Amino acid sequence: VTGCVSSSLAMGKKTEPATTPRGTGTPRGGATNSTYANMLRSPASGTVVKTLEQDADECYQSVLLPINERMMGPLPQSEIITSRPMVLLLGNHSSGKSSFVNFLVGAEVQKSGVAPTDDCFTLITSGPDDTDQDGPALVGDPDLGFMGLRNFGNALISHVQLKVRKNLGLKNVILVDSPGMIDCPAVSAPAHMSTSDMLKQGSSRQGTRVSDSSFDRGYNFMAVTRWFAEHSDVILLFFDPDKPGTTGETLECLTKALSGMEHKLNICFNKCDQFCKMHDFARAFGALCWNLSKVIPRKDLPPIYTMCVPVANQGEGLGKEALADLHGTRQEVVNKVNAAQERRVDNMISRLDDSTRVLQMYSWVCTAVRRQVSRVWWQVHLKALLCSASLAGIAGGVYFSRGALVERFGERWQFMHLPILFGGQTLGAIYYGMSYPKIAQRSKELATDENLTRLFEDNYRMEIAEGDEFLLSIWNRVMPRLQLAMRTVGIGAIGHVGRRDNDYMNRILNEDVPRLRRQFARAIGDSASVTPILQGTLDSYGNP
């Protein structure tokens, strides 16, 4: 993209490959980490779609991240992202996740059963040979794109694995099969809290013995699920007739780990072929909708795909027509998985747009805070300087008038200007020392919710008056990160965003993102033909 490249060159930034040492794990089957890196970053689709993906990522890496680093901003740090799209499968144990994975790839890759059969996050993808890689080697390699999982501790790393299989029916897609969700008496933690923070918080409770195993699986499952959800392009959440939304951990996942991921989320009511009576299906489906309504803060429920996976000796359930309908709905879900690559490019463009708006709002409010602090800073310094300068002026007048003063008041006025001068400087220094805490106090006051919100409203007065709720949702994400930066390093340590940086961000929003979306629409042949109709240049039959 011309705009992105020109911005990158103008800033003098280059995207360099990571030089961090590779992980020491050795994958089973003789494959090296370099082989995995080349495979996961190999082109997964057509040249045009691949180019758009690279252009969107270059805008993010070369333009936004340098500004974010200088500003200590809210965007995640630079990391290698695998080129293959990811599909995350979540749900209760025995809800059919592993069976659906086996159906997608056309092979028995995952074990399946009524009881929980796997306690790992298993990544399955296609490759030239059948090989496995354990968690430490997978997470420790900077070229594979999973180093962010290190933040969740060794308990998670030992429960992550990669399976590469040849001759799979689904090519160039990473399927993430997650551990089945179950109810647990342990207290769960917020999705943004790391494992170390959980242990610190738990150890502060009196009379409570804390260990890794005290927190469900030994790591923050909700935070790990959110990490995979953020990096995935399609999310499938499975429910089954035995537990239609009654597992508390699954419902908690909707409110914490999957918050804001509705555009990726697909809810699947699996194993519907087990119903033999219509009223059983109605009661289970109604129970699922009732439980979902408690955690989804909307009047309208999202689509629920009632489906089943073909198995040996499969009965007709509610009848042949109903079974055919279940198979047809399953095919819709399969189509969403097959379209993950196109979805990935669209997600990357959306991430570029969203990240730019977040960083721009963060920088603008930072500038407003800096103006407020600078105003107090100048007031303190100018008053101290005025005090010192006033007494220095008096000392100068005494010095130049010392002859007349000596004749009238005596010899003691010969050097009277010196104590006046030193006294003025001392008084100025004392006033400065007593007033300087006002700067820190003002910075502390500005870090409160009320003052930051007021500065935000002053900067976006017009948009707020128009009722822009999207802008308010961005602010709810920016404010906690800004407060954290102000309270830890102070507003003075946060970098400054100049006019050129604002021009770069405006160019991304006004030029690069719209151009990428148009090129993507033409590449997949989707909405390119719809746009002229909506614009009125073509009728519904394609005639000008």
Protein backbone atom coordinates (compact mmCIF):
# COMPACT_ATOMS: atom_id res chain seq x y z
CA VAL A 1 0.00 0.00 0.00
CA THR A 2 1.56 3.28 -1.11
CA GLY A 3 0.35 5.27 1.88
CA CYS A 4 1.68 2.76 4.39
CA VAL A 5 5.05 2.40 2.70
CA SER A 6 5.56 6.13 2.34
CA SER A 7 4.66 6.66 5.99
CA SER A 8 7.09 3.94 7.01
CA LEU A 9 9.93 5.42 4.99
CA ALA A 10 9.20 8.91 6.22
CA MET A 11 9.46 7.74 9.83
CA GLY A 12 12.69 5.91 9.13
CA LYS A 13 11.35 2.69 10.58
CA LYS A 14 12.07 -0.76 9.22
CA THR A 15 10.50 -4.05 10.13
CA GLU A 16 13.37 -6.36 11.06
CA PRO A 17 13.14 -10.06 11.74
CA ALA A 18 13.26 -11.18 15.32
CA THR A 19 16.71 -12.21 16.61
CA THR A 20 15.61 -13.77 19.87
CA PRO A 21 17.15 -17.23 20.45
CA ARG A 22 14.94 -20.10 19.39
CA GLY A 23 13.34 -22.55 21.75
CA THR A 24 15.30 -25.62 22.76
CA GLY A 25 12.51 -28.16 22.35
CA THR A 26 12.88 -30.80 19.65
CA PRO A 27 9.70 -31.80 17.82
CA ARG A 28 8.89 -35.45 17.38
CA GLY A 29 9.36 -36.75 13.89
CA GLY A 30 12.65 -35.01 13.05
CA ALA A 31 11.25 -31.61 11.98
CA THR A 32 13.12 -28.51 13.11
CA ASN A 33 11.67 -25.30 14.48
CA SER A 34 12.67 -23.55 11.26
CA THR A 35 10.55 -26.06 9.35
CA TYR A 36 7.54 -25.22 11.51
CA ALA A 37 8.13 -21.48 11.10
CA ASN A 38 8.31 -21.71 7.32
CA MET A 39 5.23 -23.92 7.24
CA LEU A 40 3.06 -21.72 9.48
CA ARG A 41 4.09 -18.58 7.60
CA SER A 42 3.69 -20.11 4.14
CA PRO A 43 1.11 -18.55 1.80
CA ALA A 44 -2.32 -19.90 2.56
CA SER A 45 -4.27 -18.39 -0.29
CA GLY A 46 -4.07 -16.35 -3.46
CA THR A 47 -1.38 -13.76 -4.08
CA VAL A 48 -3.75 -10.79 -3.88
CA VAL A 49 -5.24 -11.81 -0.53
CA LYS A 50 -1.76 -12.55 0.81
CA THR A 51 -0.50 -9.14 -0.31
CA LEU A 52 -3.40 -7.38 1.41
CA GLU A 53 -2.63 -9.26 4.61
CA GLN A 54 1.02 -8.21 4.44
CA ASP A 55 0.12 -4.59 3.69
CA ALA A 56 -2.25 -4.37 6.67
CA ASP A 57 0.37 -5.90 8.94
CA GLU A 58 3.08 -3.55 7.61
CA CYS A 59 0.93 -0.51 8.43
CA TYR A 60 0.51 -1.82 11.95
CA GLN A 61 4.15 -2.76 12.49
CA SER A 62 5.86 0.17 10.76
CA VAL A 63 3.57 3.09 11.60
CA LEU A 64 1.47 2.38 14.68
CA LEU A 65 3.87 0.37 16.85
CA PRO A 66 6.69 3.01 16.86
CA ILE A 67 4.18 5.64 17.98
CA ASN A 68 2.70 3.24 20.52
CA GLU A 69 6.13 2.42 21.95
CA ARG A 70 7.05 6.09 22.31
CA MET A 71 3.71 6.85 23.95
CA MET A 72 3.65 3.71 26.15
CA GLY A 73 0.33 3.16 24.46
CA PRO A 74 -2.38 0.51 24.77
CA LEU A 75 -1.51 -1.56 21.70
CA PRO A 76 0.12 -4.98 22.18
CA GLN A 77 3.81 -5.23 21.44
CA SER A 78 5.14 -6.42 18.12
CA GLU A 79 4.98 -10.16 17.57
CA ILE A 80 5.22 -12.63 14.74
CA ILE A 81 1.77 -13.67 13.52
CA THR A 82 1.30 -16.94 11.69
CA SER A 83 -0.01 -16.53 8.17
CA ARG A 84 -2.40 -19.43 8.56
CA PRO A 85 -5.86 -18.57 9.85
CA MET A 86 -6.87 -19.98 13.22
CA VAL A 87 -10.19 -21.56 14.19
CA LEU A 88 -10.83 -21.87 17.93
CA LEU A 89 -13.20 -24.57 19.22
CA LEU A 90 -14.64 -24.07 22.72
CA GLY A 91 -17.34 -25.82 24.70
CA ASN A 92 -18.27 -28.26 27.41
CA HIS A 93 -16.49 -31.58 27.64
CA SER A 94 -18.19 -34.19 25.47
CA SER A 95 -19.87 -31.51 23.35
CA GLY A 96 -18.36 -32.87 20.13
CA LYS A 97 -15.39 -30.52 19.61
CA SER A 98 -12.85 -33.25 18.93
CA SER A 99 -15.31 -35.20 16.78
CA PHE A 100 -15.95 -32.09 14.70
CA VAL A 101 -12.18 -31.58 14.32
CA ASN A 102 -11.83 -35.15 13.06
CA PHE A 103 -14.72 -34.58 10.68
CA LEU A 104 -13.14 -31.39 9.31
CA VAL A 105 -9.74 -32.93 8.65
CA GLY A 106 -11.09 -36.32 7.58
CA ALA A 107 -8.87 -38.29 9.98
CA GLU A 108 -8.80 -39.48 13.59
CA VAL A 109 -6.43 -36.83 14.92
CA GLN A 110 -8.11 -36.21 18.28
CA LYS A 111 -9.45 -38.69 20.78
CA SER A 112 -13.14 -38.37 21.55
CA GLY A 113 -15.43 -39.79 24.20
CA VAL A 114 -18.11 -39.06 26.77
CA ALA A 115 -15.62 -38.31 29.56
CA PRO A 116 -12.97 -35.55 29.24
CA THR A 117 -10.23 -36.96 26.99
CA ASP A 118 -7.78 -34.05 26.67
CA ASP A 119 -6.57 -31.32 29.00
CA CYS A 120 -4.44 -29.42 26.47
CA PHE A 121 -4.84 -26.68 23.93
CA THR A 122 -4.07 -28.73 20.84
CA LEU A 123 -3.19 -27.01 17.56
CA ILE A 124 -3.83 -29.14 14.47
CA THR A 125 -2.69 -28.19 10.99
CA SER A 126 -1.59 -29.78 7.73
CA GLY A 127 2.00 -30.46 6.73
CA PRO A 128 4.25 -32.70 4.65
CA ASP A 129 4.87 -35.19 7.50
CA ASP A 130 3.21 -36.41 10.69
CA THR A 131 5.04 -34.60 13.49
CA ASP A 132 4.30 -33.30 16.98
CA GLN A 133 5.76 -30.44 18.98
CA ASP A 134 5.42 -29.92 22.71
CA GLY A 135 4.52 -26.72 24.47
CA PRO A 136 7.98 -25.42 25.50
CA ALA A 137 9.33 -25.75 21.96
CA LEU A 138 6.18 -24.27 20.41
CA VAL A 139 5.96 -21.28 22.75
CA GLY A 140 9.71 -20.71 22.98
CA ASP A 141 10.26 -20.25 19.24
CA PRO A 142 9.89 -16.54 18.33
CA ASP A 143 9.18 -17.39 14.68
CA LEU A 144 6.03 -19.43 15.33
CA GLY A 145 3.91 -16.61 16.76
CA PHE A 146 2.95 -18.12 20.13
CA MET A 147 5.47 -16.47 22.45
CA GLY A 148 2.66 -14.44 24.02
CA LEU A 149 1.56 -17.59 25.85
CA ARG A 150 4.66 -17.38 28.04
CA ASN A 151 2.90 -14.71 30.12
CA PHE A 152 0.53 -17.36 31.49
CA GLY A 153 3.23 -19.47 33.13
CA ASN A 154 4.71 -22.94 32.89
CA ALA A 155 1.44 -24.60 33.87
CA LEU A 156 -0.05 -23.52 30.55
CA ILE A 157 3.08 -24.13 28.46
CA SER A 158 3.07 -27.77 29.49
CA HIS A 159 -0.56 -28.00 28.34
CA VAL A 160 -0.08 -26.74 24.78
CA GLN A 161 0.88 -28.93 21.84
CA LEU A 162 1.07 -28.81 18.06
CA LYS A 163 0.05 -31.69 15.79
CA VAL A 164 1.03 -31.60 12.13
CA ARG A 165 -0.57 -34.25 9.94
CA LYS A 166 -0.24 -34.99 6.25
CA ASN A 167 -3.11 -35.69 3.88
CA LEU A 168 -5.65 -33.74 5.90
CA GLY A 169 -8.89 -32.73 4.27
CA LEU A 170 -8.52 -29.16 5.58
CA LYS A 171 -5.38 -27.41 4.33
CA ASN A 172 -3.52 -24.34 5.61
CA VAL A 173 -5.80 -23.75 8.61
CA ILE A 174 -4.86 -24.10 12.29
CA LEU A 175 -7.59 -25.74 14.38
CA VAL A 176 -7.31 -25.10 18.13
CA ASP A 177 -9.06 -27.79 20.17
CA SER A 178 -9.46 -26.50 23.73
CA PRO A 179 -9.96 -28.42 27.00
CA GLY A 180 -13.57 -29.13 27.80
CA MET A 181 -15.14 -26.65 30.19
CA ILE A 182 -16.41 -27.96 33.50
CA ASP A 183 -17.75 -26.50 36.72
CA CYS A 184 -15.11 -26.12 39.40
CA PRO A 185 -15.33 -24.93 43.01
CA ALA A 186 -12.20 -22.82 42.60
CA VAL A 187 -12.63 -19.10 42.19
CA SER A 188 -11.93 -17.91 38.68
CA ALA A 189 -10.03 -14.76 37.85
CA PRO A 190 -10.67 -11.93 35.40
CA ALA A 191 -9.64 -12.59 31.81
CA HIS A 192 -7.01 -9.83 31.91
CA MET A 193 -5.22 -11.22 35.01
CA SER A 194 -2.05 -13.29 34.56
CA THR A 195 -1.26 -16.42 36.55
CA SER A 196 1.37 -14.65 38.68
CA ASP A 197 -1.13 -11.93 39.59
CA MET A 198 -3.66 -14.60 40.60
CA LEU A 199 -1.14 -16.26 42.89
CA LYS A 200 -0.17 -12.94 44.48
CA GLN A 201 -3.80 -12.05 45.04
CA GLY A 202 -4.57 -15.47 46.44
CA SER A 203 -1.53 -15.53 48.74
CA SER A 204 -2.69 -12.30 50.39
CA ARG A 205 -5.82 -14.03 51.69
CA GLN A 206 -5.36 -15.00 55.30
CA GLY A 207 -5.73 -18.64 56.21
CA THR A 208 -5.72 -19.80 52.60
CA ARG A 209 -3.15 -22.17 51.21
CA VAL A 210 -2.27 -21.13 47.68
CA SER A 211 -0.73 -23.23 44.96
CA ASP A 212 -0.89 -23.48 41.21
CA SER A 213 -3.59 -26.10 41.43
CA SER A 214 -5.85 -23.81 43.45
CA PHE A 215 -6.89 -21.96 40.34
CA ASP A 216 -8.87 -24.43 38.22
CA ARG A 217 -6.16 -25.78 35.90
CA GLY A 218 -3.12 -24.02 37.39
CA TYR A 219 -3.36 -21.07 34.99
CA ASN A 220 -5.89 -18.41 34.15
CA PHE A 221 -8.05 -20.34 31.73
CA MET A 222 -10.22 -17.34 30.83
CA ALA A 223 -7.20 -15.19 30.00
CA VAL A 224 -5.67 -17.94 27.84
CA THR A 225 -8.98 -18.44 26.06
CA ARG A 226 -9.18 -14.72 25.36
CA TRP A 227 -5.63 -14.76 23.96
CA PHE A 228 -6.54 -17.52 21.52
CA ALA A 229 -9.84 -15.79 20.72
CA GLU A 230 -8.07 -12.53 19.88
CA HIS A 231 -5.67 -14.35 17.55
CA SER A 232 -8.35 -16.54 15.96
CA ASP A 233 -10.43 -15.69 12.92
CA VAL A 234 -13.39 -17.99 13.58
CA ILE A 235 -14.64 -19.09 17.02
CA LEU A 236 -16.97 -22.06 17.45
CA LEU A 237 -18.68 -22.45 20.84
CA PHE A 238 -20.23 -25.91 21.26
CA PHE A 239 -23.14 -26.98 23.44
CA ASP A 240 -24.72 -30.43 23.64
CA PRO A 241 -28.10 -31.81 24.77
CA ASP A 242 -26.74 -33.13 28.07
CA LYS A 243 -25.51 -29.69 29.20
CA PRO A 244 -27.42 -27.05 27.21
CA GLY A 245 -25.70 -23.99 28.62
CA THR A 246 -25.79 -25.17 32.23
CA THR A 247 -22.02 -25.35 32.73
CA GLY A 248 -21.04 -22.22 34.61
CA GLU A 249 -17.55 -22.04 33.10
CA THR A 250 -18.95 -21.98 29.58
CA LEU A 251 -21.34 -19.15 30.41
CA GLU A 252 -18.54 -17.30 32.18
CA CYS A 253 -16.45 -17.66 29.04
CA LEU A 254 -19.08 -15.72 27.09
CA THR A 255 -19.01 -12.79 29.51
CA LYS A 256 -15.24 -12.60 30.07
CA ALA A 257 -13.06 -14.33 27.51
CA LEU A 258 -15.28 -13.72 24.47
CA SER A 259 -16.43 -10.20 25.29
CA GLY A 260 -16.19 -8.04 22.17
CA MET A 261 -15.66 -11.09 19.91
CA GLU A 262 -19.24 -11.39 18.70
CA HIS A 263 -18.24 -10.84 15.07
CA LYS A 264 -16.13 -14.03 15.19
CA LEU A 265 -18.36 -16.14 17.42
CA ASN A 266 -20.59 -18.95 16.15
CA ILE A 267 -22.72 -20.87 18.65
CA CYS A 268 -23.28 -24.54 17.75
CA PHE A 269 -25.88 -26.80 19.39
CA ASN A 270 -24.29 -30.13 18.54
CA LYS A 271 -25.46 -33.76 18.77
CA CYS A 272 -29.04 -32.86 17.92
CA ASP A 273 -29.41 -36.24 16.18
CA GLN A 274 -29.70 -37.80 19.66
CA PHE A 275 -33.22 -36.45 20.09
CA CYS A 276 -35.99 -38.90 19.31
CA LYS A 277 -38.91 -36.74 20.46
CA MET A 278 -39.70 -33.21 19.43
CA HIS A 279 -40.59 -32.00 22.92
CA ASP A 280 -37.15 -33.18 24.19
CA PHE A 281 -35.46 -31.08 21.51
CA ALA A 282 -37.71 -28.10 22.31
CA ARG A 283 -36.97 -28.30 26.02
CA ALA A 284 -33.19 -28.58 25.50
CA PHE A 285 -33.10 -25.79 22.93
CA GLY A 286 -35.26 -23.60 25.16
CA ALA A 287 -32.98 -24.26 28.14
CA LEU A 288 -29.97 -23.25 26.04
CA CYS A 289 -31.63 -20.01 24.91
CA TRP A 290 -32.70 -19.24 28.47
CA ASN A 291 -29.20 -19.70 29.86
CA LEU A 292 -27.64 -17.68 27.06
CA SER A 293 -30.08 -14.83 27.65
CA LYS A 294 -28.67 -14.46 31.16
CA VAL A 295 -25.13 -13.72 29.94
CA ILE A 296 -25.74 -12.03 26.57
CA PRO A 297 -26.82 -8.42 27.29
CA ARG A 298 -29.09 -8.11 24.26
CA LYS A 299 -32.75 -8.80 23.56
CA ASP A 300 -31.91 -10.71 20.37
CA LEU A 301 -29.94 -13.92 20.70
CA PRO A 302 -27.25 -14.65 18.08
CA PRO A 303 -27.86 -17.45 15.57
CA ILE A 304 -27.56 -20.94 17.04
CA TYR A 305 -26.50 -23.65 14.59
CA THR A 306 -28.35 -26.89 15.39
CA MET A 307 -26.19 -29.62 13.90
CA CYS A 308 -24.67 -33.05 14.29
CA VAL A 309 -21.53 -34.86 13.18
CA PRO A 310 -21.92 -38.05 11.11
CA VAL A 311 -21.13 -41.16 13.12
CA ALA A 312 -21.34 -44.88 12.47
CA ASN A 313 -24.82 -46.37 12.80
CA GLN A 314 -26.36 -42.92 13.07
CA GLY A 315 -30.10 -43.02 13.67
CA GLU A 316 -32.70 -40.82 12.05
CA GLY A 317 -33.53 -39.02 15.31
CA LEU A 318 -36.53 -36.80 14.62
CA GLY A 319 -36.81 -38.08 11.06
CA LYS A 320 -35.01 -38.03 7.75
CA GLU A 321 -35.99 -34.46 6.95
CA ALA A 322 -34.82 -33.21 10.35
CA LEU A 323 -31.55 -35.13 10.01
CA ALA A 324 -30.96 -33.65 6.56
CA ASP A 325 -31.60 -30.21 8.02
CA LEU A 326 -28.99 -30.86 10.73
CA HIS A 327 -26.46 -31.90 8.10
CA GLY A 328 -27.24 -28.79 6.07
CA THR A 329 -26.68 -26.56 9.11
CA ARG A 330 -23.39 -28.33 9.81
CA GLN A 331 -22.31 -27.53 6.27
CA GLU A 332 -22.90 -23.84 7.00
CA VAL A 333 -20.46 -24.09 9.90
CA VAL A 334 -17.97 -25.94 7.69
CA ASN A 335 -18.27 -23.14 5.13
CA LYS A 336 -17.38 -20.60 7.82
CA VAL A 337 -14.27 -22.62 8.65
CA ASN A 338 -13.32 -22.83 4.98
CA ALA A 339 -13.70 -19.05 4.69
CA ALA A 340 -11.33 -18.46 7.61
CA GLN A 341 -8.56 -17.13 5.34
CA GLU A 342 -10.77 -14.39 3.92
CA ARG A 343 -12.04 -13.73 7.41
CA ARG A 344 -8.46 -13.39 8.60
CA VAL A 345 -7.67 -10.63 6.12
CA ASP A 346 -10.88 -8.83 7.07
CA ASN A 347 -9.95 -9.16 10.76
CA MET A 348 -6.48 -7.75 10.13
CA ILE A 349 -7.93 -4.74 8.32
CA SER A 350 -10.41 -4.27 11.15
CA ARG A 351 -7.58 -4.56 13.68
CA LEU A 352 -5.64 -1.88 11.80
CA ASP A 353 -8.64 0.44 11.83
CA ASP A 354 -9.47 -0.24 15.48
CA SER A 355 -5.86 0.05 16.68
CA THR A 356 -5.41 3.36 14.89
CA ARG A 357 -8.52 4.82 16.51
CA VAL A 358 -7.47 3.55 19.94
CA LEU A 359 -3.95 4.94 19.63
CA GLN A 360 -5.21 8.26 18.24
CA MET A 361 -7.64 8.73 21.13
CA TYR A 362 -4.92 7.76 23.61
CA SER A 363 -2.50 10.32 22.16
CA TRP A 364 -5.07 13.12 22.01
CA VAL A 365 -6.14 12.69 25.64
CA CYS A 366 -2.47 12.42 26.65
CA THR A 367 -1.85 15.75 24.95
CA ALA A 368 -4.78 17.31 26.81
CA VAL A 369 -3.45 15.96 30.13
CA ARG A 370 0.02 17.28 29.34
CA ARG A 371 -1.41 20.74 28.68
CA GLN A 372 -3.13 20.74 32.07
CA VAL A 373 0.05 19.65 33.86
CA SER A 374 2.16 22.13 31.87
CA ARG A 375 -0.16 24.94 32.90
CA VAL A 376 0.44 24.17 36.59
CA TRP A 377 4.16 23.74 35.91
CA TRP A 378 4.43 27.18 34.32
CA GLN A 379 2.39 28.76 37.09
CA VAL A 380 4.75 27.39 39.75
CA HIS A 381 7.89 28.35 37.87
CA LEU A 382 6.68 31.80 36.87
CA LYS A 383 5.60 32.68 40.40
CA ALA A 384 8.92 31.51 41.81
CA LEU A 385 10.75 33.45 39.11
CA LEU A 386 8.62 36.52 39.72
CA CYS A 387 9.41 36.42 43.44
CA SER A 388 13.13 36.10 42.79
CA ALA A 389 13.10 38.73 40.04
CA SER A 390 11.19 41.23 42.19
CA LEU A 391 13.67 41.06 45.03
CA ALA A 392 16.53 41.02 42.54
CA GLY A 393 15.16 44.29 41.12
CA ILE A 394 14.99 45.76 44.61
CA ALA A 395 18.58 44.62 45.19
CA GLY A 396 19.63 46.28 41.93
CA GLY A 397 17.95 49.53 42.94
CA VAL A 398 19.74 49.44 46.30
CA TYR A 399 23.05 48.79 44.56
CA PHE A 400 22.77 51.72 42.18
CA SER A 401 21.46 54.00 44.95
CA ARG A 402 23.92 52.87 47.58
CA GLY A 403 25.77 56.26 47.58
CA ALA A 404 22.71 58.21 48.64
CA LEU A 405 21.66 55.49 51.03
CA VAL A 406 25.08 55.46 52.70
CA GLU A 407 25.01 59.24 53.16
CA ARG A 408 21.55 59.09 54.70
CA PHE A 409 21.55 55.82 56.70
CA GLY A 410 25.20 55.01 57.24
CA GLU A 411 27.89 52.60 55.98
CA ARG A 412 25.83 49.51 56.66
CA TRP A 413 23.95 50.20 53.39
CA GLN A 414 27.14 49.84 51.36
CA PHE A 415 26.51 46.10 50.85
CA MET A 416 22.83 45.93 51.73
CA HIS A 417 21.96 44.79 48.16
CA LEU A 418 23.69 41.45 48.69
CA PRO A 419 21.44 40.13 51.49
CA ILE A 420 18.40 41.43 49.59
CA LEU A 421 19.53 39.58 46.47
CA PHE A 422 20.35 36.34 48.29
CA GLY A 423 17.17 36.60 50.31
CA GLY A 424 15.11 36.98 47.15
CA GLN A 425 16.68 33.92 45.60
CA THR A 426 16.15 32.00 48.82
CA LEU A 427 12.50 33.01 49.01
CA GLY A 428 12.04 32.02 45.34
CA ALA A 429 13.60 28.62 45.99
CA ILE A 430 11.47 28.10 49.11
CA TYR A 431 8.30 29.00 47.22
CA TYR A 432 9.29 26.69 44.38
CA GLY A 433 9.98 23.84 46.77
CA MET A 434 6.66 24.35 48.55
CA SER A 435 4.68 24.70 45.31
CA TYR A 436 6.34 21.91 43.30
CA PRO A 437 4.18 19.15 44.88
CA LYS A 438 1.22 20.88 43.25
CA ILE A 439 2.44 19.50 39.91
CA ALA A 440 2.42 15.92 41.19
CA GLN A 441 -0.90 16.56 42.92
CA ARG A 442 -2.40 17.89 39.71
CA SER A 443 -1.15 14.86 37.76
CA LYS A 444 -2.72 12.60 40.37
CA GLU A 445 -6.02 14.46 40.17
CA LEU A 446 -6.06 14.22 36.38
CA ALA A 447 -5.65 10.43 36.56
CA THR A 448 -9.10 10.01 38.11
CA ASP A 449 -12.03 8.73 36.07
CA GLU A 450 -13.94 12.00 36.31
CA ASN A 451 -11.13 14.28 35.12
CA LEU A 452 -9.99 11.99 32.30
CA THR A 453 -13.58 11.60 31.11
CA ARG A 454 -13.99 15.37 31.16
CA LEU A 455 -10.89 15.82 29.00
CA PHE A 456 -12.16 13.12 26.65
CA GLU A 457 -15.53 14.87 26.35
CA ASP A 458 -13.81 18.19 25.65
CA ASN A 459 -11.80 16.67 22.80
CA TYR A 460 -14.74 14.78 21.28
CA ARG A 461 -17.56 17.20 22.03
CA MET A 462 -19.07 17.03 18.54
CA GLU A 463 -19.06 13.24 18.29
CA ILE A 464 -20.54 12.81 21.76
CA ALA A 465 -23.30 15.27 20.93
CA GLU A 466 -24.18 13.08 17.95
CA GLY A 467 -24.47 10.03 20.23
CA ASP A 468 -21.47 8.09 18.90
CA GLU A 469 -21.53 4.97 21.10
CA PHE A 470 -18.65 3.39 19.18
CA LEU A 471 -16.45 6.26 20.35
CA LEU A 472 -17.52 5.66 23.95
CA SER A 473 -16.66 1.98 23.65
CA ILE A 474 -13.15 2.89 22.51
CA TRP A 475 -12.76 5.27 25.44
CA ASN A 476 -13.71 2.53 27.89
CA ARG A 477 -10.70 0.57 26.59
CA VAL A 478 -8.31 3.53 26.46
CA MET A 479 -8.95 5.02 29.92
CA PRO A 480 -7.63 2.10 32.07
CA ARG A 481 -4.40 1.92 30.05
CA LEU A 482 -3.90 5.69 30.27
CA GLN A 483 -4.49 5.67 34.01
CA LEU A 484 -1.95 2.87 34.42
CA ALA A 485 0.70 4.79 32.48
CA MET A 486 0.08 8.02 34.42
CA ARG A 487 0.24 6.30 37.80
CA THR A 488 3.35 4.24 37.06
CA VAL A 489 5.69 6.46 35.02
CA GLY A 490 3.90 9.81 35.08
CA ILE A 491 2.68 11.99 32.25
CA GLY A 492 6.15 13.50 31.82
CA ALA A 493 7.63 10.14 30.77
CA ILE A 494 4.98 9.54 28.11
CA GLY A 495 6.19 10.56 24.68
CA HIS A 496 4.73 13.34 22.58
CA VAL A 497 2.75 12.88 19.38
CA GLY A 498 3.38 15.59 16.84
CA ARG A 499 1.50 16.78 13.81
CA ARG A 500 3.33 14.34 11.54
CA ASP A 501 2.27 11.36 13.66
CA ASN A 502 -1.34 12.54 13.57
CA ASP A 503 -1.08 12.86 9.79
CA TYR A 504 0.12 9.25 9.58
CA MET A 505 -2.80 7.99 11.67
CA ASN A 506 -5.31 10.07 9.72
CA ARG A 507 -3.89 8.69 6.48
CA ILE A 508 -4.40 5.13 7.69
CA LEU A 509 -8.02 5.85 8.67
CA ASN A 510 -8.99 7.94 5.66
CA GLU A 511 -6.93 6.34 2.87
CA ASP A 512 -5.26 3.03 3.69
CA VAL A 513 -8.12 1.21 5.45
CA PRO A 514 -10.76 2.11 2.79
CA ARG A 515 -8.36 1.15 0.01
CA LEU A 516 -7.54 -2.19 1.65
CA ARG A 517 -11.23 -2.98 2.07
CA ARG A 518 -11.99 -2.19 -1.58
CA GLN A 519 -9.08 -4.30 -2.80
CA PHE A 520 -10.13 -7.14 -0.51
CA ALA A 521 -13.72 -6.99 -1.80
CA ARG A 522 -12.49 -7.19 -5.39
CA ALA A 523 -10.07 -10.01 -4.53
CA ILE A 524 -12.74 -12.31 -3.06
CA GLY A 525 -15.39 -11.22 -5.58
CA ASP A 526 -17.92 -10.60 -2.83
CA SER A 527 -19.25 -7.12 -2.24
CA ALA A 528 -17.51 -5.61 -5.26
CA SER A 529 -20.58 -6.37 -7.35
CA VAL A 530 -22.94 -5.12 -4.62
CA THR A 531 -21.31 -1.72 -4.19
CA PRO A 532 -22.42 -0.27 -7.55
CA ILE A 533 -25.99 -1.42 -6.82
CA LEU A 534 -26.05 0.28 -3.44
CA GLN A 535 -24.50 3.40 -4.94
CA GLY A 536 -27.17 3.51 -7.64
CA THR A 537 -24.87 3.05 -10.64
CA LEU A 538 -26.34 -0.42 -11.42
CA ASP A 539 -29.78 -1.88 -11.00
CA SER A 540 -30.50 -5.23 -9.37
CA TYR A 541 -30.04 -7.01 -12.72
CA GLY A 542 -26.57 -5.58 -13.30
CA ASN A 543 -27.68 -3.10 -15.97
CA PRO A 544 -26.16 0.40 -15.90
